[in-house]
Amino acid sequence: MQEYVIIFSRTIFLYLLVLLVFRLMGKRELGELSILDIAVYVLIAEVAAIALDNFEKSFMKSILPILILFSIQYINAVFILKNKRIRDVIDGDPAIVVRDGIILENEMKKQRYNLDDLFQQLREQGISSVQTIAFAFLEQSGKLSIYQKDGPTFILPLIVDGYLDKKHLRLIGKTEQWLEEELRTQGIFSAKQVFYCSYENGKLYVQLKARKN
């Protein structure tokens, strides 16, 4: 009888602990989880299963790896929130695989993404022809985001979290010098001051970072 009580109490405690840990890790859709997220979630599930089965080992020692994994993931989340470069290294960066109806073969090879994968996702979204696509982005999750030529114009961010995206500048046919001059006309002398910047309808839109109290 005592063994059943231990199983019951451990199960309830682990359920609440894992629920709390996942809640504190932040809200992300299942399809948007990074490889690191998935690895941590799988490891936590495995550790929880071992903690339920192993009665000989101290329960606190059994759940300690869960707390360590949570700490690692939480610290990682803080770093990637504050630094886009770290975020791109860990989570990756969306890749353009189709532009103006042209499939970018080199980029697809770089992402190890083949034509069968591309056509499958086009069919799933009801896209009958590559020629109708203005931009197709392969997201970090593996999902394909598509913007068609006859649809709303997709706005490429030029600065995100103080990080200048040179690739997007090239895509809109602009230079770093042009952007620096445009920022100076608004009294901004460093991209580090900018939280978000885009070029929309022939005008530069800039949102500065919030000031720290």
N, C-alpha and C. Protein backbone atom coordinates (compact mmCIF):
# COMPACT_ATOMS: atom_id res chain seq x y z
N MET A 1 0.82 -1.21 0.00
CA MET A 1 0.00 0.00 0.00
C MET A 1 0.86 1.27 0.00
N GLN A 2 1.94 1.22 0.80
CA GLN A 2 2.83 2.38 0.88
C GLN A 2 3.47 2.68 -0.47
N GLU A 3 3.79 1.61 -1.22
CA GLU A 3 4.40 1.79 -2.54
C GLU A 3 3.45 2.53 -3.48
N TYR A 4 2.15 2.22 -3.41
CA TYR A 4 1.17 2.88 -4.27
C TYR A 4 1.02 4.36 -3.90
N VAL A 5 1.11 4.64 -2.62
CA VAL A 5 1.04 6.03 -2.17
C VAL A 5 2.23 6.82 -2.70
N ILE A 6 3.41 6.19 -2.67
CA ILE A 6 4.62 6.85 -3.19
C ILE A 6 4.49 7.12 -4.68
N ILE A 7 4.01 6.11 -5.42
CA ILE A 7 3.82 6.28 -6.87
C ILE A 7 2.85 7.42 -7.15
N PHE A 8 1.74 7.43 -6.40
CA PHE A 8 0.72 8.46 -6.61
C PHE A 8 1.28 9.86 -6.31
N SER A 9 1.94 10.00 -5.18
CA SER A 9 2.47 11.31 -4.78
C SER A 9 3.57 11.78 -5.73
N ARG A 10 4.46 10.86 -6.15
CA ARG A 10 5.52 11.22 -7.09
C ARG A 10 4.93 11.66 -8.43
N THR A 11 3.92 10.93 -8.89
CA THR A 11 3.30 11.25 -10.17
C THR A 11 2.68 12.64 -10.14
N ILE A 12 1.92 12.95 -9.09
CA ILE A 12 1.29 14.26 -8.97
C ILE A 12 2.35 15.36 -8.89
N PHE A 13 3.41 15.12 -8.07
CA PHE A 13 4.45 16.13 -7.92
C PHE A 13 5.18 16.38 -9.25
N LEU A 14 5.54 15.30 -9.96
CA LEU A 14 6.26 15.43 -11.23
C LEU A 14 5.38 16.11 -12.27
N TYR A 15 4.11 15.77 -12.27
CA TYR A 15 3.17 16.40 -13.22
C TYR A 15 3.16 17.92 -13.00
N LEU A 16 3.03 18.35 -11.76
CA LEU A 16 2.99 19.77 -11.45
C LEU A 16 4.34 20.44 -11.73
N LEU A 17 5.43 19.72 -11.43
CA LEU A 17 6.77 20.27 -11.66
C LEU A 17 7.03 20.47 -13.15
N VAL A 18 6.76 19.44 -13.94
CA VAL A 18 6.99 19.52 -15.40
C VAL A 18 6.08 20.59 -16.01
N LEU A 19 4.83 20.66 -15.55
CA LEU A 19 3.90 21.68 -16.04
C LEU A 19 4.43 23.07 -15.75
N LEU A 20 4.95 23.26 -14.53
CA LEU A 20 5.51 24.56 -14.14
C LEU A 20 6.75 24.89 -14.96
N VAL A 21 7.63 23.91 -15.15
CA VAL A 21 8.86 24.12 -15.92
C VAL A 21 8.53 24.52 -17.36
N PHE A 22 7.62 23.80 -18.01
CA PHE A 22 7.25 24.13 -19.38
C PHE A 22 6.58 25.50 -19.47
N ARG A 23 5.81 25.83 -18.43
CA ARG A 23 5.14 27.14 -18.42
C ARG A 23 6.17 28.26 -18.31
N LEU A 24 7.16 28.07 -17.46
CA LEU A 24 8.19 29.10 -17.26
C LEU A 24 9.12 29.24 -18.46
N MET A 25 9.20 28.20 -19.28
CA MET A 25 10.07 28.25 -20.47
C MET A 25 9.51 29.17 -21.54
N GLY A 26 8.23 29.53 -21.42
CA GLY A 26 7.65 30.44 -22.40
C GLY A 26 6.70 29.75 -23.34
N LYS A 27 5.92 30.58 -24.03
CA LYS A 27 4.89 30.06 -24.93
C LYS A 27 5.40 30.02 -26.37
N ARG A 28 5.42 28.82 -26.93
CA ARG A 28 5.75 28.65 -28.33
C ARG A 28 4.89 27.53 -28.89
N GLU A 29 4.44 27.72 -30.13
CA GLU A 29 3.66 26.67 -30.76
C GLU A 29 4.53 25.45 -30.99
N LEU A 30 3.89 24.27 -30.97
CA LEU A 30 4.64 23.02 -31.12
C LEU A 30 5.45 23.02 -32.41
N GLY A 31 4.87 23.53 -33.49
CA GLY A 31 5.57 23.54 -34.78
C GLY A 31 6.70 24.55 -34.85
N GLU A 32 6.79 25.44 -33.85
CA GLU A 32 7.82 26.47 -33.86
C GLU A 32 8.97 26.16 -32.91
N LEU A 33 8.93 25.00 -32.28
CA LEU A 33 10.00 24.64 -31.35
C LEU A 33 11.31 24.45 -32.11
N SER A 34 12.39 24.98 -31.54
CA SER A 34 13.71 24.78 -32.13
C SER A 34 14.22 23.39 -31.77
N ILE A 35 15.33 23.00 -32.40
CA ILE A 35 15.93 21.70 -32.09
C ILE A 35 16.34 21.64 -30.62
N LEU A 36 16.86 22.76 -30.11
CA LEU A 36 17.26 22.81 -28.71
C LEU A 36 16.06 22.64 -27.78
N ASP A 37 14.94 23.29 -28.11
CA ASP A 37 13.72 23.15 -27.31
C ASP A 37 13.27 21.70 -27.26
N ILE A 38 13.23 21.07 -28.42
CA ILE A 38 12.77 19.68 -28.50
C ILE A 38 13.68 18.77 -27.69
N ALA A 39 15.01 18.98 -27.80
CA ALA A 39 15.97 18.15 -27.06
C ALA A 39 15.75 18.29 -25.55
N VAL A 40 15.54 19.51 -25.08
CA VAL A 40 15.33 19.74 -23.65
C VAL A 40 14.03 19.10 -23.19
N TYR A 41 12.96 19.25 -23.97
CA TYR A 41 11.67 18.67 -23.60
C TYR A 41 11.74 17.14 -23.53
N VAL A 42 12.43 16.55 -24.51
CA VAL A 42 12.56 15.09 -24.52
C VAL A 42 13.37 14.62 -23.30
N LEU A 43 14.46 15.33 -23.01
CA LEU A 43 15.29 14.96 -21.86
C LEU A 43 14.51 15.09 -20.55
N ILE A 44 13.73 16.15 -20.41
CA ILE A 44 12.93 16.32 -19.19
C ILE A 44 11.92 15.19 -19.06
N ALA A 45 11.29 14.81 -20.17
CA ALA A 45 10.32 13.71 -20.13
C ALA A 45 11.00 12.40 -19.73
N GLU A 46 12.21 12.17 -20.26
CA GLU A 46 12.94 10.94 -19.91
C GLU A 46 13.34 10.93 -18.44
N VAL A 47 13.81 12.07 -17.95
CA VAL A 47 14.22 12.16 -16.54
C VAL A 47 13.00 11.94 -15.63
N ALA A 48 11.86 12.52 -16.01
CA ALA A 48 10.65 12.35 -15.21
C ALA A 48 10.22 10.88 -15.18
N ALA A 49 10.34 10.20 -16.31
CA ALA A 49 9.98 8.78 -16.36
C ALA A 49 10.90 7.94 -15.47
N ILE A 50 12.19 8.26 -15.48
CA ILE A 50 13.16 7.54 -14.64
C ILE A 50 12.86 7.80 -13.15
N ALA A 51 12.51 9.04 -12.83
CA ALA A 51 12.20 9.40 -11.44
C ALA A 51 11.00 8.62 -10.92
N LEU A 52 10.06 8.30 -11.81
CA LEU A 52 8.88 7.53 -11.40
C LEU A 52 9.20 6.06 -11.18
N ASP A 53 10.15 5.55 -11.95
CA ASP A 53 10.47 4.11 -11.90
C ASP A 53 11.49 3.75 -10.82
N ASN A 54 12.40 4.69 -10.55
CA ASN A 54 13.52 4.37 -9.66
C ASN A 54 13.20 4.78 -8.22
N PHE A 55 12.82 3.80 -7.40
CA PHE A 55 12.48 4.08 -6.01
C PHE A 55 13.70 4.01 -5.09
N GLU A 56 14.77 3.40 -5.58
CA GLU A 56 15.96 3.24 -4.75
C GLU A 56 16.75 4.54 -4.63
N LYS A 57 16.68 5.35 -5.68
CA LYS A 57 17.41 6.61 -5.70
C LYS A 57 16.59 7.70 -5.01
N SER A 58 17.28 8.61 -4.34
CA SER A 58 16.62 9.74 -3.69
C SER A 58 15.77 10.51 -4.71
N PHE A 59 14.54 10.84 -4.29
CA PHE A 59 13.64 11.53 -5.21
C PHE A 59 14.19 12.89 -5.61
N MET A 60 14.80 13.61 -4.67
CA MET A 60 15.37 14.92 -4.98
C MET A 60 16.51 14.81 -5.99
N LYS A 61 17.33 13.74 -5.87
CA LYS A 61 18.39 13.52 -6.84
C LYS A 61 17.82 13.17 -8.21
N SER A 62 16.66 12.53 -8.21
CA SER A 62 16.03 12.13 -9.46
C SER A 62 15.49 13.33 -10.24
N ILE A 63 14.98 14.34 -9.50
CA ILE A 63 14.40 15.49 -10.18
C ILE A 63 15.42 16.61 -10.39
N LEU A 64 16.62 16.48 -9.80
CA LEU A 64 17.65 17.50 -9.96
C LEU A 64 17.99 17.77 -11.43
N PRO A 65 18.12 16.72 -12.28
CA PRO A 65 18.41 16.99 -13.71
C PRO A 65 17.32 17.85 -14.38
N ILE A 66 16.06 17.70 -13.95
CA ILE A 66 14.99 18.53 -14.51
C ILE A 66 15.23 20.00 -14.19
N LEU A 67 15.62 20.27 -12.95
CA LEU A 67 15.88 21.64 -12.53
C LEU A 67 17.11 22.22 -13.24
N ILE A 68 18.12 21.36 -13.46
CA ILE A 68 19.32 21.81 -14.18
C ILE A 68 18.98 22.14 -15.63
N LEU A 69 18.21 21.25 -16.28
CA LEU A 69 17.81 21.48 -17.67
C LEU A 69 16.97 22.75 -17.80
N PHE A 70 16.07 22.96 -16.84
CA PHE A 70 15.26 24.18 -16.85
C PHE A 70 16.15 25.41 -16.72
N SER A 71 17.13 25.35 -15.82
CA SER A 71 18.03 26.48 -15.62
C SER A 71 18.81 26.81 -16.89
N ILE A 72 19.31 25.76 -17.56
CA ILE A 72 20.05 25.95 -18.80
C ILE A 72 19.17 26.59 -19.86
N GLN A 73 17.95 26.07 -20.00
CA GLN A 73 17.03 26.59 -21.01
C GLN A 73 16.60 28.02 -20.70
N TYR A 74 16.40 28.32 -19.41
CA TYR A 74 15.98 29.66 -19.03
C TYR A 74 17.08 30.68 -19.30
N ILE A 75 18.32 30.33 -18.92
CA ILE A 75 19.46 31.22 -19.17
C ILE A 75 19.65 31.42 -20.67
N ASN A 76 19.52 30.33 -21.42
CA ASN A 76 19.63 30.41 -22.87
C ASN A 76 18.57 31.34 -23.45
N ALA A 77 17.34 31.24 -22.93
CA ALA A 77 16.24 32.08 -23.42
C ALA A 77 16.51 33.56 -23.16
N VAL A 78 17.11 33.86 -22.00
CA VAL A 78 17.45 35.25 -21.67
C VAL A 78 18.49 35.79 -22.65
N PHE A 79 19.50 34.98 -22.95
CA PHE A 79 20.55 35.41 -23.87
C PHE A 79 20.02 35.64 -25.28
N ILE A 80 19.20 34.69 -25.78
CA ILE A 80 18.72 34.84 -27.16
C ILE A 80 17.68 35.95 -27.27
N LEU A 81 17.01 36.28 -26.16
CA LEU A 81 16.07 37.39 -26.18
C LEU A 81 16.80 38.71 -26.35
N LYS A 82 17.98 38.83 -25.74
CA LYS A 82 18.72 40.08 -25.76
C LYS A 82 19.67 40.21 -26.93
N ASN A 83 20.03 39.10 -27.56
CA ASN A 83 21.05 39.14 -28.60
C ASN A 83 20.61 38.36 -29.84
N LYS A 84 20.37 39.08 -30.93
CA LYS A 84 19.89 38.42 -32.15
C LYS A 84 20.95 37.51 -32.76
N ARG A 85 22.22 37.87 -32.63
CA ARG A 85 23.28 37.02 -33.18
C ARG A 85 23.28 35.64 -32.52
N ILE A 86 23.15 35.64 -31.19
CA ILE A 86 23.07 34.36 -30.47
C ILE A 86 21.81 33.62 -30.88
N ARG A 87 20.71 34.35 -31.05
CA ARG A 87 19.44 33.75 -31.44
C ARG A 87 19.55 33.07 -32.80
N ASP A 88 20.25 33.71 -33.73
CA ASP A 88 20.42 33.14 -35.07
C ASP A 88 21.29 31.90 -35.04
N VAL A 89 22.32 31.90 -34.17
CA VAL A 89 23.21 30.74 -34.05
C VAL A 89 22.46 29.54 -33.50
N ILE A 90 21.65 29.78 -32.44
CA ILE A 90 20.96 28.69 -31.77
C ILE A 90 19.70 28.25 -32.53
N ASP A 91 18.86 29.22 -32.88
CA ASP A 91 17.58 28.89 -33.52
C ASP A 91 17.66 28.84 -35.04
N GLY A 92 18.72 29.45 -35.60
CA GLY A 92 18.81 29.53 -37.05
C GLY A 92 18.08 30.76 -37.57
N ASP A 93 18.19 30.99 -38.85
CA ASP A 93 17.59 32.16 -39.49
C ASP A 93 16.73 31.70 -40.65
N PRO A 94 15.55 32.31 -40.88
CA PRO A 94 14.74 31.90 -42.03
C PRO A 94 15.53 32.02 -43.34
N ALA A 95 15.32 31.08 -44.23
CA ALA A 95 16.04 31.08 -45.51
C ALA A 95 15.06 31.30 -46.65
N ILE A 96 15.42 32.18 -47.58
CA ILE A 96 14.59 32.40 -48.76
C ILE A 96 14.90 31.32 -49.79
N VAL A 97 13.91 30.49 -50.12
CA VAL A 97 14.13 29.39 -51.06
C VAL A 97 13.47 29.67 -52.42
N VAL A 98 12.55 30.63 -52.45
CA VAL A 98 11.95 31.05 -53.73
C VAL A 98 11.84 32.57 -53.72
N ARG A 99 12.30 33.19 -54.82
CA ARG A 99 12.20 34.65 -54.93
C ARG A 99 11.79 35.02 -56.34
N ASP A 100 10.71 35.78 -56.46
CA ASP A 100 10.19 36.23 -57.76
C ASP A 100 9.99 35.05 -58.72
N GLY A 101 9.46 33.94 -58.19
CA GLY A 101 9.16 32.79 -59.02
C GLY A 101 10.34 31.91 -59.36
N ILE A 102 11.53 32.23 -58.81
CA ILE A 102 12.74 31.46 -59.10
C ILE A 102 13.14 30.66 -57.86
N ILE A 103 13.33 29.36 -58.02
CA ILE A 103 13.78 28.50 -56.92
C ILE A 103 15.28 28.69 -56.73
N LEU A 104 15.68 29.03 -55.51
CA LEU A 104 17.09 29.30 -55.23
C LEU A 104 17.79 27.98 -54.86
N GLU A 105 18.37 27.37 -55.88
CA GLU A 105 18.94 26.02 -55.74
C GLU A 105 20.04 25.96 -54.68
N ASN A 106 20.94 26.95 -54.70
CA ASN A 106 22.06 26.93 -53.75
C ASN A 106 21.58 27.03 -52.31
N GLU A 107 20.57 27.86 -52.08
CA GLU A 107 20.04 28.00 -50.73
C GLU A 107 19.34 26.72 -50.27
N MET A 108 18.67 26.06 -51.18
CA MET A 108 18.00 24.80 -50.85
C MET A 108 19.02 23.73 -50.49
N LYS A 109 20.13 23.68 -51.22
CA LYS A 109 21.19 22.72 -50.90
C LYS A 109 21.79 23.02 -49.53
N LYS A 110 21.96 24.30 -49.25
CA LYS A 110 22.52 24.72 -47.97
C LYS A 110 21.63 24.29 -46.81
N GLN A 111 20.32 24.35 -47.03
CA GLN A 111 19.35 23.98 -45.98
C GLN A 111 19.01 22.49 -46.01
N ARG A 112 19.60 21.75 -46.98
CA ARG A 112 19.28 20.32 -47.16
C ARG A 112 17.77 20.12 -47.34
N TYR A 113 17.23 20.95 -48.21
CA TYR A 113 15.79 21.00 -48.46
C TYR A 113 15.59 20.70 -49.95
N ASN A 114 14.89 19.61 -50.27
CA ASN A 114 14.80 19.20 -51.67
C ASN A 114 13.50 19.64 -52.33
N LEU A 115 13.41 19.43 -53.63
CA LEU A 115 12.23 19.85 -54.40
C LEU A 115 10.96 19.13 -53.97
N ASP A 116 11.09 17.86 -53.60
CA ASP A 116 9.91 17.12 -53.13
C ASP A 116 9.32 17.77 -51.89
N ASP A 117 10.20 18.19 -50.96
CA ASP A 117 9.74 18.89 -49.75
C ASP A 117 9.04 20.20 -50.13
N LEU A 118 9.65 20.93 -51.04
CA LEU A 118 9.09 22.22 -51.47
C LEU A 118 7.71 22.04 -52.10
N PHE A 119 7.61 21.12 -53.05
CA PHE A 119 6.33 20.94 -53.76
C PHE A 119 5.24 20.40 -52.83
N GLN A 120 5.63 19.57 -51.87
CA GLN A 120 4.65 19.07 -50.91
C GLN A 120 4.04 20.22 -50.11
N GLN A 121 4.92 21.12 -49.63
CA GLN A 121 4.41 22.23 -48.84
C GLN A 121 3.64 23.24 -49.68
N LEU A 122 3.98 23.35 -50.96
CA LEU A 122 3.20 24.21 -51.86
C LEU A 122 1.80 23.63 -52.04
N ARG A 123 1.72 22.31 -52.24
CA ARG A 123 0.41 21.66 -52.39
C ARG A 123 -0.42 21.82 -51.13
N GLU A 124 0.22 21.68 -49.97
CA GLU A 124 -0.52 21.78 -48.71
C GLU A 124 -1.11 23.18 -48.51
N GLN A 125 -0.48 24.19 -49.11
CA GLN A 125 -0.98 25.55 -48.98
C GLN A 125 -1.78 26.00 -50.21
N GLY A 126 -2.05 25.06 -51.11
CA GLY A 126 -2.88 25.35 -52.27
C GLY A 126 -2.21 26.22 -53.31
N ILE A 127 -0.87 26.19 -53.37
CA ILE A 127 -0.12 26.96 -54.37
C ILE A 127 0.12 26.07 -55.58
N SER A 128 -0.40 26.45 -56.73
CA SER A 128 -0.31 25.60 -57.91
C SER A 128 0.96 25.82 -58.72
N SER A 129 1.58 27.00 -58.60
CA SER A 129 2.75 27.29 -59.41
C SER A 129 3.77 28.11 -58.64
N VAL A 130 5.04 27.78 -58.83
CA VAL A 130 6.13 28.54 -58.22
C VAL A 130 6.16 29.96 -58.79
N GLN A 131 5.71 30.11 -60.03
CA GLN A 131 5.75 31.41 -60.70
C GLN A 131 4.90 32.47 -60.02
N THR A 132 3.95 32.05 -59.20
CA THR A 132 3.06 33.01 -58.52
C THR A 132 3.65 33.52 -57.22
N ILE A 133 4.83 32.99 -56.84
CA ILE A 133 5.41 33.31 -55.53
C ILE A 133 6.37 34.49 -55.62
N ALA A 134 6.19 35.46 -54.72
CA ALA A 134 7.13 36.57 -54.61
C ALA A 134 8.29 36.16 -53.70
N PHE A 135 7.95 35.65 -52.51
CA PHE A 135 8.95 35.14 -51.57
C PHE A 135 8.41 33.88 -50.91
N ALA A 136 9.30 32.90 -50.71
CA ALA A 136 8.98 31.73 -49.90
C ALA A 136 10.11 31.55 -48.90
N PHE A 137 9.77 31.61 -47.62
CA PHE A 137 10.76 31.50 -46.55
C PHE A 137 10.66 30.13 -45.89
N LEU A 138 11.79 29.47 -45.77
CA LEU A 138 11.86 28.24 -44.99
C LEU A 138 12.19 28.63 -43.56
N GLU A 139 11.19 28.50 -42.68
CA GLU A 139 11.36 28.93 -41.30
C GLU A 139 12.24 27.95 -40.51
N GLN A 140 12.64 28.39 -39.31
CA GLN A 140 13.48 27.55 -38.45
C GLN A 140 12.79 26.24 -38.10
N SER A 141 11.46 26.27 -38.04
CA SER A 141 10.69 25.08 -37.67
C SER A 141 10.54 24.10 -38.83
N GLY A 142 10.95 24.52 -40.06
CA GLY A 142 10.77 23.69 -41.24
C GLY A 142 9.50 24.03 -42.01
N LYS A 143 8.71 24.95 -41.46
CA LYS A 143 7.48 25.38 -42.13
C LYS A 143 7.82 26.35 -43.25
N LEU A 144 7.05 26.31 -44.33
CA LEU A 144 7.26 27.20 -45.47
C LEU A 144 6.26 28.35 -45.41
N SER A 145 6.77 29.58 -45.33
CA SER A 145 5.92 30.77 -45.34
C SER A 145 5.97 31.38 -46.74
N ILE A 146 4.79 31.57 -47.35
CA ILE A 146 4.71 31.97 -48.75
C ILE A 146 3.99 33.30 -48.91
N TYR A 147 4.59 34.18 -49.72
CA TYR A 147 3.97 35.46 -50.08
C TYR A 147 3.86 35.50 -51.60
N GLN A 148 2.63 35.59 -52.09
CA GLN A 148 2.41 35.55 -53.53
C GLN A 148 2.50 36.93 -54.16
N LYS A 149 2.75 36.95 -55.45
CA LYS A 149 2.96 38.21 -56.17
C LYS A 149 1.72 39.09 -56.16
N ASP A 150 0.54 38.48 -56.19
CA ASP A 150 -0.69 39.27 -56.20
C ASP A 150 -1.24 39.53 -54.80
N GLY A 151 -0.48 39.15 -53.78
CA GLY A 151 -0.91 39.37 -52.40
C GLY A 151 -0.25 40.59 -51.80
N PRO A 152 -0.44 40.80 -50.49
CA PRO A 152 0.20 41.93 -49.81
C PRO A 152 1.72 41.84 -49.90
N THR A 153 2.37 42.99 -50.04
CA THR A 153 3.83 43.04 -50.13
C THR A 153 4.45 42.68 -48.79
N PHE A 154 5.42 41.76 -48.83
CA PHE A 154 6.09 41.39 -47.58
C PHE A 154 7.18 42.41 -47.28
N ILE A 155 7.17 42.91 -46.05
CA ILE A 155 8.14 43.91 -45.61
C ILE A 155 9.29 43.22 -44.90
N LEU A 156 10.49 43.39 -45.43
CA LEU A 156 11.68 42.78 -44.83
C LEU A 156 12.25 43.69 -43.74
N PRO A 157 12.46 43.17 -42.55
CA PRO A 157 13.09 43.99 -41.50
C PRO A 157 14.55 44.28 -41.83
N LEU A 158 14.96 45.52 -41.63
CA LEU A 158 16.34 45.91 -41.91
C LEU A 158 17.20 45.89 -40.65
N ILE A 159 16.58 46.22 -39.52
CA ILE A 159 17.27 46.16 -38.24
C ILE A 159 16.35 45.47 -37.24
N VAL A 160 16.88 44.50 -36.54
CA VAL A 160 16.13 43.78 -35.51
C VAL A 160 17.00 43.71 -34.25
N ASP A 161 16.48 44.24 -33.15
CA ASP A 161 17.23 44.23 -31.88
C ASP A 161 18.62 44.83 -32.01
N GLY A 162 18.74 45.90 -32.80
CA GLY A 162 20.03 46.55 -32.97
C GLY A 162 20.97 45.87 -33.95
N TYR A 163 20.48 44.80 -34.58
CA TYR A 163 21.32 44.03 -35.52
C TYR A 163 20.93 44.36 -36.95
N LEU A 164 21.86 44.83 -37.73
CA LEU A 164 21.62 45.20 -39.13
C LEU A 164 21.63 43.96 -40.02
N ASP A 165 20.54 43.77 -40.78
CA ASP A 165 20.45 42.62 -41.66
C ASP A 165 20.89 43.03 -43.06
N LYS A 166 22.15 42.75 -43.38
CA LYS A 166 22.73 43.15 -44.67
C LYS A 166 22.07 42.41 -45.83
N LYS A 167 21.66 41.18 -45.59
CA LYS A 167 21.02 40.40 -46.64
C LYS A 167 19.71 41.05 -47.10
N HIS A 168 18.93 41.52 -46.15
CA HIS A 168 17.66 42.16 -46.49
C HIS A 168 17.89 43.50 -47.19
N LEU A 169 18.95 44.19 -46.79
CA LEU A 169 19.28 45.44 -47.48
C LEU A 169 19.57 45.19 -48.96
N ARG A 170 20.33 44.14 -49.23
CA ARG A 170 20.64 43.80 -50.62
C ARG A 170 19.38 43.43 -51.40
N LEU A 171 18.46 42.74 -50.73
CA LEU A 171 17.24 42.30 -51.40
C LEU A 171 16.36 43.47 -51.84
N ILE A 172 16.39 44.57 -51.08
CA ILE A 172 15.58 45.73 -51.48
C ILE A 172 16.40 46.74 -52.29
N GLY A 173 17.64 46.37 -52.60
CA GLY A 173 18.47 47.21 -53.46
C GLY A 173 19.03 48.44 -52.77
N LYS A 174 19.26 48.36 -51.46
CA LYS A 174 19.80 49.48 -50.71
C LYS A 174 21.15 49.10 -50.11
N THR A 175 21.89 50.14 -49.64
CA THR A 175 23.21 49.93 -49.07
C THR A 175 23.24 50.34 -47.59
N GLU A 176 24.29 49.92 -46.91
CA GLU A 176 24.46 50.31 -45.50
C GLU A 176 24.61 51.82 -45.38
N GLN A 177 25.32 52.43 -46.35
CA GLN A 177 25.52 53.88 -46.32
C GLN A 177 24.19 54.60 -46.44
N TRP A 178 23.32 54.11 -47.32
CA TRP A 178 21.99 54.71 -47.48
C TRP A 178 21.21 54.64 -46.18
N LEU A 179 21.25 53.49 -45.52
CA LEU A 179 20.50 53.31 -44.27
C LEU A 179 21.06 54.21 -43.17
N GLU A 180 22.39 54.31 -43.08
CA GLU A 180 23.01 55.16 -42.06
C GLU A 180 22.62 56.63 -42.26
N GLU A 181 22.58 57.06 -43.52
CA GLU A 181 22.20 58.44 -43.81
C GLU A 181 20.74 58.69 -43.46
N GLU A 182 19.88 57.72 -43.77
CA GLU A 182 18.46 57.85 -43.46
C GLU A 182 18.24 57.90 -41.94
N LEU A 183 18.99 57.10 -41.21
CA LEU A 183 18.87 57.10 -39.75
C LEU A 183 19.35 58.43 -39.17
N ARG A 184 20.43 58.97 -39.73
CA ARG A 184 20.96 60.24 -39.22
C ARG A 184 19.96 61.38 -39.39
N THR A 185 19.19 61.35 -40.48
CA THR A 185 18.17 62.39 -40.68
C THR A 185 17.09 62.34 -39.59
N GLN A 186 16.98 61.19 -38.91
CA GLN A 186 16.03 61.06 -37.81
C GLN A 186 16.71 61.16 -36.45
N GLY A 187 17.99 61.60 -36.47
CA GLY A 187 18.70 61.79 -35.22
C GLY A 187 19.19 60.50 -34.58
N ILE A 188 19.35 59.45 -35.40
CA ILE A 188 19.80 58.16 -34.89
C ILE A 188 21.18 57.89 -35.49
N PHE A 189 22.17 57.67 -34.64
CA PHE A 189 23.55 57.56 -35.11
C PHE A 189 24.13 56.16 -34.96
N SER A 190 23.33 55.21 -34.49
CA SER A 190 23.81 53.83 -34.36
C SER A 190 22.63 52.87 -34.47
N ALA A 191 22.86 51.77 -35.19
CA ALA A 191 21.82 50.74 -35.30
C ALA A 191 21.52 50.10 -33.95
N LYS A 192 22.47 50.21 -33.01
CA LYS A 192 22.28 49.63 -31.68
C LYS A 192 21.13 50.29 -30.93
N GLN A 193 20.77 51.51 -31.33
CA GLN A 193 19.67 52.22 -30.69
C GLN A 193 18.30 51.73 -31.16
N VAL A 194 18.31 50.97 -32.26
CA VAL A 194 17.05 50.63 -32.95
C VAL A 194 16.55 49.25 -32.53
N PHE A 195 15.28 49.19 -32.17
CA PHE A 195 14.64 47.92 -31.84
C PHE A 195 14.14 47.24 -33.11
N TYR A 196 13.51 48.03 -34.00
CA TYR A 196 13.00 47.48 -35.26
C TYR A 196 13.01 48.57 -36.31
N CYS A 197 13.41 48.19 -37.52
CA CYS A 197 13.44 49.14 -38.63
C CYS A 197 13.06 48.42 -39.92
N SER A 198 12.20 49.07 -40.73
CA SER A 198 11.82 48.50 -42.01
C SER A 198 11.62 49.63 -43.02
N TYR A 199 11.58 49.26 -44.30
CA TYR A 199 11.38 50.22 -45.38
C TYR A 199 10.03 49.91 -46.01
N GLU A 200 9.05 50.80 -45.78
CA GLU A 200 7.69 50.54 -46.21
C GLU A 200 7.14 51.71 -47.02
N ASN A 201 6.65 51.39 -48.21
CA ASN A 201 6.02 52.40 -49.08
C ASN A 201 6.93 53.62 -49.30
N GLY A 202 8.21 53.32 -49.54
CA GLY A 202 9.17 54.39 -49.82
C GLY A 202 9.59 55.21 -48.62
N LYS A 203 9.27 54.72 -47.43
CA LYS A 203 9.59 55.46 -46.21
C LYS A 203 10.22 54.52 -45.18
N LEU A 204 11.19 55.04 -44.44
CA LEU A 204 11.85 54.25 -43.41
C LEU A 204 11.05 54.34 -42.12
N TYR A 205 10.67 53.19 -41.60
CA TYR A 205 9.96 53.13 -40.32
C TYR A 205 10.93 52.65 -39.26
N VAL A 206 11.05 53.41 -38.17
CA VAL A 206 12.02 53.10 -37.12
C VAL A 206 11.34 53.11 -35.75
N GLN A 207 11.60 52.06 -34.98
CA GLN A 207 11.16 52.02 -33.58
C GLN A 207 12.40 51.83 -32.71
N LEU A 208 12.64 52.81 -31.82
CA LEU A 208 13.83 52.76 -30.98
C LEU A 208 13.62 51.78 -29.81
N LYS A 209 14.73 51.33 -29.25
CA LYS A 209 14.66 50.47 -28.08
C LYS A 209 14.11 51.25 -26.89
N ALA A 210 13.39 50.58 -26.03
CA ALA A 210 12.86 51.23 -24.83
C ALA A 210 14.02 51.61 -23.93
N ARG A 211 13.92 52.78 -23.34
CA ARG A 211 14.97 53.22 -22.43
C ARG A 211 14.86 52.51 -21.09
N LYS A 212 16.01 52.18 -20.52
CA LYS A 212 16.03 51.51 -19.21
C LYS A 212 15.87 52.57 -18.12
N ASN A 213 15.05 52.25 -17.13
CA ASN A 213 14.87 53.18 -16.01
C ASN A 213 16.09 53.14 -15.09
